[in-house]
């Protein structure tokens, strides 16, 4: 059996520890992303449900006229959502009403 120098043993311990650290971070990031995505969808669903019927109709009218950017602007103005969330909300509303191809 080969004899290891003390610096080789320390190097091995550090390498194994670092590999474990990286593996743990990779696993944690996936669950964090999923959690953030779930919270984002809850926020979007909540914003859609709080819209007045007239505002929903206005947004859907803009979608049907293929004015997606105007629909997103209207959604942002009425809901306070960010750009990405408003885009997802408009697309989700269009899909639910059967106008997914219009967006």
Protein backbone atom coordinates (compact mmCIF):
# COMPACT_ATOMS: atom_id res chain seq x y z
CA UNK A 1 0.00 0.00 0.00
CA UNK A 2 1.25 3.44 -0.94
CA UNK A 3 2.09 5.96 1.77
CA UNK A 4 0.39 9.36 1.38
CA UNK A 5 2.05 12.58 2.38
CA UNK A 6 0.08 14.81 4.79
CA UNK A 7 -0.45 17.48 2.12
CA UNK A 8 -1.98 14.84 -0.20
CA UNK A 9 -4.44 13.78 2.49
CA UNK A 10 -5.44 17.40 3.12
CA UNK A 11 -5.83 17.98 -0.60
CA UNK A 12 -8.10 14.94 -0.86
CA UNK A 13 -10.22 16.06 2.11
CA UNK A 14 -10.61 19.55 0.66
CA UNK A 15 -11.47 18.21 -2.81
CA UNK A 16 -14.16 15.87 -1.45
CA UNK A 17 -15.59 18.64 0.73
CA UNK A 18 -15.71 21.08 -2.18
CA UNK A 19 -17.39 18.51 -4.41
CA UNK A 20 -20.03 17.96 -1.72
CA UNK A 21 -20.53 21.71 -1.40
CA UNK A 22 -21.07 22.10 -5.15
CA UNK A 23 -23.49 19.18 -5.26
CA UNK A 24 -25.49 20.65 -2.39
CA UNK A 25 -25.71 24.05 -4.08
CA UNK A 26 -26.85 22.52 -7.36
CA UNK A 27 -29.65 20.65 -5.59
CA UNK A 28 -30.71 23.68 -3.53
CA UNK A 29 -30.87 25.95 -6.58
CA UNK A 30 -33.37 23.69 -8.32
CA UNK A 31 -35.74 23.65 -5.37
CA UNK A 32 -35.32 27.41 -4.88
CA UNK A 33 -36.17 28.01 -8.55
CA UNK A 34 -39.24 25.81 -8.30
CA UNK A 35 -40.36 27.64 -5.17
CA UNK A 36 -39.90 31.06 -6.80
CA UNK A 37 -41.79 29.87 -9.88
CA UNK A 38 -44.70 28.67 -7.73
CA UNK A 39 -44.83 32.01 -5.91
CA UNK A 40 -44.72 33.84 -9.24
CA UNK A 41 -47.65 31.81 -10.59
CA UNK A 42 -49.65 32.48 -7.42
CA UNK A 43 -48.96 36.20 -7.81
CA UNK A 44 -50.04 36.12 -11.46
CA UNK A 45 -53.21 34.16 -10.69
CA UNK A 46 -54.04 36.57 -7.89
CA UNK A 47 -53.53 39.59 -10.13
CA UNK A 48 -55.76 38.12 -12.84
CA UNK A 49 -58.51 37.31 -10.37
CA UNK A 50 -58.45 40.87 -8.96
CA UNK A 51 -59.01 42.49 -12.36
CA UNK A 52 -62.40 44.10 -12.99
CA UNK A 53 -64.47 42.44 -15.68
CA UNK A 54 -64.17 45.56 -17.85
CA UNK A 55 -60.36 45.50 -17.58
CA UNK A 56 -60.28 41.80 -18.46
CA UNK A 57 -62.44 42.48 -21.49
CA UNK A 58 -60.20 45.37 -22.51
CA UNK A 59 -57.10 43.20 -22.29
CA UNK A 60 -58.76 40.40 -24.24
CA UNK A 61 -59.94 42.90 -26.87
CA UNK A 62 -56.33 44.04 -27.31
CA UNK A 63 -55.19 40.42 -27.58
CA UNK A 64 -57.84 39.67 -30.21
CA UNK A 65 -56.62 42.70 -32.19
CA UNK A 66 -53.09 41.25 -31.98
CA UNK A 67 -51.92 44.17 -29.83
CA UNK A 68 -49.99 42.08 -27.35
CA UNK A 69 -47.70 44.88 -26.18
CA UNK A 70 -50.67 47.15 -25.46
CA UNK A 71 -52.36 44.28 -23.58
CA UNK A 72 -49.24 43.75 -21.49
CA UNK A 73 -49.01 47.49 -20.75
CA UNK A 74 -52.65 47.50 -19.66
CA UNK A 75 -52.07 44.46 -17.45
CA UNK A 76 -49.04 46.11 -15.84
CA UNK A 77 -50.93 49.35 -15.23
CA UNK A 78 -53.93 47.63 -13.66
CA UNK A 79 -52.19 44.89 -11.67
CA UNK A 80 -48.79 46.31 -10.73
CA UNK A 81 -47.08 43.22 -12.11
CA UNK A 82 -43.62 43.38 -13.63
CA UNK A 83 -43.05 43.02 -17.36
CA UNK A 84 -42.36 39.29 -17.31
CA UNK A 85 -45.27 38.51 -15.01
CA UNK A 86 -47.67 40.68 -17.03
CA UNK A 87 -46.62 38.91 -20.24
CA UNK A 88 -47.25 35.53 -18.64
CA UNK A 89 -50.61 36.74 -17.30
CA UNK A 90 -51.76 37.99 -20.72
CA UNK A 91 -50.69 34.73 -22.36
CA UNK A 92 -52.43 32.74 -19.64
CA UNK A 93 -55.65 34.76 -20.05
CA UNK A 94 -55.53 34.27 -23.82
CA UNK A 95 -55.00 30.52 -23.45
CA UNK A 96 -57.92 30.22 -21.02
CA UNK A 97 -60.23 32.04 -23.39
CA UNK A 98 -59.13 30.00 -26.41
CA UNK A 99 -57.14 32.76 -28.09
CA UNK A 100 -53.69 31.25 -27.50
CA UNK A 101 -52.82 31.60 -31.19
CA UNK A 102 -53.59 35.31 -31.10
CA UNK A 103 -50.82 36.03 -28.62
